[in-house]
N, C-alpha and C. Protein backbone atom coordinates (compact mmCIF):
# COMPACT_ATOMS: atom_id res chain seq x y z
N MET A 1 11.78 18.01 -5.60
CA MET A 1 12.09 17.19 -4.28
C MET A 1 13.54 16.75 -4.28
N SER A 2 14.42 16.43 -5.17
CA SER A 2 15.72 16.19 -5.16
C SER A 2 16.58 17.04 -4.54
N TYR A 3 16.05 18.53 -4.35
CA TYR A 3 17.10 19.15 -3.67
C TYR A 3 16.68 18.97 -2.22
N LEU A 4 15.71 18.78 -1.75
CA LEU A 4 15.04 18.42 -0.55
C LEU A 4 15.98 17.10 0.14
N TYR A 5 15.88 15.99 -0.88
CA TYR A 5 16.73 14.68 -0.35
C TYR A 5 18.21 14.91 -0.14
N LEU A 6 18.82 15.96 -1.01
CA LEU A 6 20.04 16.21 -0.86
C LEU A 6 20.33 17.14 0.35
N ALA A 7 19.31 17.95 0.95
CA ALA A 7 19.64 18.56 1.83
C ALA A 7 19.61 17.49 3.19
N VAL A 8 18.36 16.96 2.89
CA VAL A 8 18.55 15.61 4.10
C VAL A 8 19.78 14.98 4.36
N ALA A 9 20.05 14.53 3.01
CA ALA A 9 21.58 13.79 3.09
C ALA A 9 22.83 14.55 3.70
N ILE A 10 22.78 15.63 3.56
CA ILE A 10 23.73 16.61 3.78
C ILE A 10 23.51 17.04 5.41
N LEU A 11 22.55 17.10 6.03
CA LEU A 11 22.30 17.19 7.32
C LEU A 11 22.46 15.55 8.11
N ALA A 12 21.82 14.63 7.50
CA ALA A 12 22.30 13.13 8.15
C ALA A 12 23.78 12.97 8.39
N GLU A 13 24.60 13.44 6.90
CA GLU A 13 25.86 13.16 7.01
C GLU A 13 26.45 14.02 8.10
N VAL A 14 26.35 15.14 8.08
CA VAL A 14 26.95 16.00 8.92
C VAL A 14 26.59 15.43 10.54
N ALA A 15 25.35 15.09 10.86
CA ALA A 15 25.03 14.72 12.17
C ALA A 15 25.91 13.12 12.50
N ALA A 16 26.01 12.39 11.44
CA ALA A 16 26.68 11.13 11.66
C ALA A 16 27.88 11.45 11.83
N THR A 17 28.70 12.17 10.90
CA THR A 17 30.27 12.24 11.41
C THR A 17 30.59 13.42 12.45
N SER A 18 29.72 14.33 12.57
CA SER A 18 29.91 15.06 14.04
C SER A 18 29.66 14.05 15.08
N ALA A 19 28.95 13.20 15.23
CA ALA A 19 29.06 12.18 16.45
C ALA A 19 29.96 11.17 16.45
N LEU A 20 31.05 10.83 15.40
CA LEU A 20 32.01 9.85 15.52
C LEU A 20 32.82 10.29 16.70
N ASN A 21 33.17 11.14 17.20
CA ASN A 21 33.98 11.61 18.13
C ASN A 21 33.51 11.04 19.22
N ALA A 22 31.83 11.30 19.52
CA ALA A 22 31.59 10.80 20.96
C ALA A 22 31.13 9.47 21.00
N THR A 23 31.46 8.52 19.84
CA THR A 23 31.34 7.06 19.83
C THR A 23 32.38 6.30 20.60
N GLU A 24 33.42 7.30 20.79
CA GLU A 24 34.81 6.65 21.67
C GLU A 24 35.27 5.32 20.81
N GLY A 25 35.44 5.39 19.92
CA GLY A 25 35.76 4.32 18.95
C GLY A 25 34.60 2.96 18.98
N PHE A 26 33.47 3.53 18.75
CA PHE A 26 32.28 2.63 18.75
C PHE A 26 32.10 1.98 20.00
N THR A 27 32.67 2.46 21.09
CA THR A 27 32.39 1.73 22.26
C THR A 27 31.13 2.36 22.97
N ARG A 28 30.40 3.31 22.81
CA ARG A 28 29.29 3.48 23.05
C ARG A 28 28.27 4.02 22.39
N LEU A 29 27.23 3.10 23.01
CA LEU A 29 26.38 2.61 21.90
C LEU A 29 25.15 3.62 21.42
N LEU A 30 24.60 4.73 21.94
CA LEU A 30 23.94 5.69 21.49
C LEU A 30 24.56 6.72 20.47
N PRO A 31 25.76 7.02 20.56
CA PRO A 31 26.45 7.80 19.37
C PRO A 31 26.77 6.85 18.23
N SER A 32 27.22 5.65 18.38
CA SER A 32 27.38 4.81 17.59
C SER A 32 26.17 4.52 16.84
N LEU A 33 25.09 4.50 17.31
CA LEU A 33 23.69 3.91 16.44
C LEU A 33 23.45 5.19 15.73
N LEU A 34 23.67 6.66 16.38
CA LEU A 34 23.29 7.73 15.33
C LEU A 34 24.42 7.88 14.15
N VAL A 35 25.66 7.45 14.55
CA VAL A 35 26.41 7.56 13.08
C VAL A 35 25.88 6.37 12.11
N VAL A 36 25.54 5.31 12.56
CA VAL A 36 25.07 4.01 11.65
C VAL A 36 23.77 4.77 10.98
N LEU A 37 22.69 4.92 11.80
CA LEU A 37 21.67 5.61 11.25
C LEU A 37 21.77 6.92 10.42
N GLY A 38 22.70 7.83 10.72
CA GLY A 38 22.83 9.05 10.04
C GLY A 38 23.62 8.73 8.71
N TYR A 39 24.50 7.61 8.58
CA TYR A 39 24.96 7.40 7.17
C TYR A 39 24.05 6.59 6.48
N GLY A 40 23.25 5.94 7.01
CA GLY A 40 22.39 5.06 6.38
C GLY A 40 21.21 6.08 5.62
N VAL A 41 20.61 6.92 6.28
CA VAL A 41 19.89 8.09 5.94
C VAL A 41 20.52 8.77 4.91
N ALA A 42 21.77 9.32 5.11
CA ALA A 42 22.50 10.16 4.08
C ALA A 42 22.79 9.27 2.78
N PHE A 43 23.04 8.11 2.81
CA PHE A 43 23.26 7.45 1.30
C PHE A 43 21.90 6.94 0.83
N TYR A 44 21.02 6.75 1.57
CA TYR A 44 19.64 6.54 0.94
C TYR A 44 19.11 8.09 0.23
N CYS A 45 19.32 8.99 0.92
CA CYS A 45 19.02 10.27 0.18
C CYS A 45 19.90 10.67 -0.60
N LEU A 46 20.82 10.31 -0.68
CA LEU A 46 22.08 10.77 -1.83
C LEU A 46 21.51 9.86 -3.04
N ALA A 47 21.43 8.52 -2.99
CA ALA A 47 20.74 7.81 -3.84
C ALA A 47 19.69 8.35 -4.60
N MET A 48 18.46 8.83 -3.81
CA MET A 48 17.61 9.08 -4.19
C MET A 48 17.69 10.55 -5.22
N THR A 49 18.49 11.49 -4.61
CA THR A 49 19.13 12.56 -5.31
C THR A 49 19.65 12.48 -6.67
N VAL A 50 20.52 11.38 -7.04
CA VAL A 50 21.31 11.03 -8.10
C VAL A 50 20.23 10.66 -9.24
N LYS A 51 18.98 10.36 -8.83
CA LYS A 51 17.84 10.01 -9.91
C LYS A 51 17.76 11.35 -10.73
N ASP A 52 17.77 12.54 -10.18
CA ASP A 52 17.48 13.47 -11.11
C ASP A 52 18.57 14.61 -11.07
N ILE A 53 19.53 14.65 -10.41
CA ILE A 53 20.67 15.64 -10.46
C ILE A 53 21.82 14.71 -11.12
N PRO A 54 22.48 15.23 -11.84
CA PRO A 54 23.89 14.36 -11.99
C PRO A 54 24.91 14.16 -10.90
N VAL A 55 25.12 13.03 -10.68
CA VAL A 55 26.00 12.54 -9.76
C VAL A 55 27.11 13.59 -8.92
N GLY A 56 28.00 13.68 -10.21
CA GLY A 56 28.91 14.92 -10.19
C GLY A 56 28.59 15.88 -9.38
N ILE A 57 27.32 16.52 -9.93
CA ILE A 57 26.80 17.55 -9.04
C ILE A 57 26.28 17.29 -7.98
N SER A 58 25.72 16.53 -7.52
CA SER A 58 25.07 15.96 -6.35
C SER A 58 26.29 15.66 -5.26
N TYR A 59 27.12 15.03 -5.68
CA TYR A 59 28.22 14.65 -4.88
C TYR A 59 28.97 15.78 -4.38
N ALA A 60 29.59 16.91 -5.45
CA ALA A 60 30.07 18.29 -5.21
C ALA A 60 29.49 18.97 -4.17
N ILE A 61 28.02 19.05 -4.12
CA ILE A 61 27.32 19.94 -3.15
C ILE A 61 27.03 18.85 -1.89
N TRP A 62 26.97 17.83 -1.86
CA TRP A 62 27.04 16.93 -0.37
C TRP A 62 28.45 16.96 0.28
N SER A 63 29.29 16.74 -0.50
CA SER A 63 30.63 16.60 0.00
C SER A 63 31.15 18.01 0.50
N GLY A 64 30.97 18.98 -0.29
CA GLY A 64 31.56 20.42 0.06
C GLY A 64 30.89 20.69 1.12
N ALA A 65 29.46 20.73 1.11
CA ALA A 65 28.39 21.29 2.27
C ALA A 65 29.13 20.35 3.49
N GLY A 66 29.14 19.29 3.27
CA GLY A 66 29.23 18.55 4.70
C GLY A 66 30.70 18.92 5.19
N ILE A 67 31.79 19.22 4.39
CA ILE A 67 32.87 19.50 4.67
C ILE A 67 32.92 20.48 5.56
N VAL A 68 32.40 21.93 5.08
CA VAL A 68 32.24 23.10 5.81
C VAL A 68 31.24 23.14 6.92
N LEU A 69 30.30 22.19 6.97
CA LEU A 69 29.25 22.21 8.17
C LEU A 69 29.93 21.41 9.34
N VAL A 70 30.66 20.31 8.90
CA VAL A 70 31.31 19.62 10.00
C VAL A 70 32.65 20.25 10.40
N ALA A 71 33.34 21.24 9.95
CA ALA A 71 34.14 22.00 10.37
C ALA A 71 33.78 22.98 11.14
N GLY A 72 32.41 23.56 10.73
CA GLY A 72 31.75 24.58 11.72
C GLY A 72 31.24 23.98 13.02
N PHE A 73 31.00 22.73 12.72
CA PHE A 73 30.33 21.95 13.89
C PHE A 73 31.76 21.58 15.04
N GLY A 74 32.79 21.23 14.31
CA GLY A 74 34.04 20.94 15.19
C GLY A 74 34.41 22.59 15.96
N TRP A 75 34.37 23.45 15.14
CA TRP A 75 34.55 24.53 15.70
C TRP A 75 33.86 25.10 16.96
N ILE A 76 32.63 24.76 16.84
CA ILE A 76 31.52 25.53 17.79
C ILE A 76 31.51 24.49 19.07
N TYR A 77 31.39 23.19 18.80
CA TYR A 77 30.93 21.93 19.94
C TYR A 77 32.53 21.75 20.19
N TYR A 78 33.41 21.30 19.89
CA TYR A 78 34.46 20.84 19.98
C TYR A 78 35.63 21.66 20.37
N GLY A 79 35.39 22.91 20.13
CA GLY A 79 36.81 24.12 20.29
C GLY A 79 37.80 23.80 18.97
N GLN A 80 37.43 23.16 18.15
CA GLN A 80 38.65 22.99 17.12
C GLN A 80 38.90 24.23 16.42
N ALA A 81 40.12 24.71 16.57
CA ALA A 81 40.41 26.04 15.78
C ALA A 81 40.36 25.66 14.25
N LEU A 82 39.71 26.99 13.66
CA LEU A 82 40.21 27.13 12.33
C LEU A 82 40.85 28.28 12.09
N ASP A 83 42.18 28.12 11.61
CA ASP A 83 42.98 29.29 11.43
C ASP A 83 42.73 29.77 10.07
N ARG A 84 43.55 30.87 9.61
CA ARG A 84 43.40 31.49 8.53
C ARG A 84 43.29 30.42 7.13
N PRO A 85 44.52 29.83 7.28
CA PRO A 85 44.70 28.74 6.16
C PRO A 85 43.39 28.05 5.96
N ALA A 86 42.76 27.49 6.90
CA ALA A 86 41.53 26.68 7.21
C ALA A 86 40.51 27.21 6.83
N LEU A 87 40.20 28.43 6.96
CA LEU A 87 39.20 29.45 6.39
C LEU A 87 39.26 29.46 5.29
N ILE A 88 40.38 30.03 4.55
CA ILE A 88 40.45 30.25 3.15
C ILE A 88 40.05 28.80 2.41
N GLY A 89 40.74 27.81 2.91
CA GLY A 89 40.27 26.40 2.45
C GLY A 89 38.73 26.45 2.18
N LEU A 90 38.36 26.45 3.21
CA LEU A 90 36.75 26.33 3.33
C LEU A 90 36.16 27.28 2.18
N GLY A 91 36.77 28.29 2.27
CA GLY A 91 35.87 29.38 1.40
C GLY A 91 36.09 29.08 0.13
N LEU A 92 37.16 28.40 -0.32
CA LEU A 92 37.73 27.55 -1.92
C LEU A 92 36.49 26.79 -1.98
N ILE A 93 36.39 25.76 -0.86
CA ILE A 93 35.46 24.70 -1.18
C ILE A 93 34.03 24.98 -1.50
N ILE A 94 33.48 26.39 -0.57
CA ILE A 94 32.34 26.77 -0.88
C ILE A 94 31.97 27.56 -2.69
N ALA A 95 33.34 28.16 -2.74
CA ALA A 95 33.38 28.56 -4.51
C ALA A 95 33.40 27.69 -5.24
N GLY A 96 34.04 26.58 -5.16
CA GLY A 96 34.11 25.18 -5.98
C GLY A 96 32.65 24.63 -5.90
N VAL A 97 31.76 24.47 -5.01
CA VAL A 97 30.68 24.18 -5.13
C VAL A 97 29.79 25.03 -5.99
N VAL A 98 29.73 26.19 -5.96
CA VAL A 98 29.10 27.06 -6.53
C VAL A 98 29.30 26.78 -7.68
N VAL A 99 30.48 27.08 -8.09
CA VAL A 99 30.95 27.00 -9.65
C VAL A 99 30.49 25.81 -10.42
N VAL A 100 30.63 24.45 -9.38
CA VAL A 100 30.45 23.28 -10.16
C VAL A 100 28.79 23.37 -10.31
N ASN A 101 28.18 23.77 -9.47
CA ASN A 101 26.54 23.75 -9.24
C ASN A 101 26.02 24.41 -10.53
N LEU A 102 26.95 25.71 -10.97
CA LEU A 102 26.16 26.82 -12.06
C LEU A 102 26.77 26.31 -13.39
N SER A 103 27.77 25.29 -13.44
CA SER A 103 28.04 24.83 -14.49
C SER A 103 27.30 24.42 -15.86
N LYS A 104 27.42 24.33 -16.74
CA LYS A 104 26.60 24.05 -18.00
C LYS A 104 26.37 22.55 -17.87
N SER A 105 27.37 21.84 -17.14
CA SER A 105 27.26 20.21 -17.72
C SER A 105 26.21 19.93 -16.29
N GLY A 106 26.21 20.68 -14.99
CA GLY A 106 25.26 20.45 -14.49
C GLY A 106 23.57 20.62 -14.60
N ALA A 107 23.31 21.46 -15.76
CA ALA A 107 22.16 21.75 -16.25
C ALA A 107 21.51 20.52 -16.89
N HIS A 108 19.95 20.71 -16.67
CA HIS A 108 19.33 19.89 -17.26
C HIS A 108 18.43 20.18 -18.65
């Protein structure tokens, strides 16, 4: 169940962060509500996650996946370019999350 909470936390954070641009400085109500609700859901689910998964592992997965997914969202929906160094960096983030998740310190 903890990994389900973590997945929901990641998706909610990605939705909230991706909606930030549409708030136009929190002057538009609906995108602003999405941001607040999304972060609320993300932090609640992350809090549920760390009951069973160590906080360092949970946060590494949450933040790493969020960074990669938000970058992908920005590329697809906002046309924000991802050059070679950006793609290499995102690949290193993914590799880092995998290594942290497989480490003995993350095992129960």
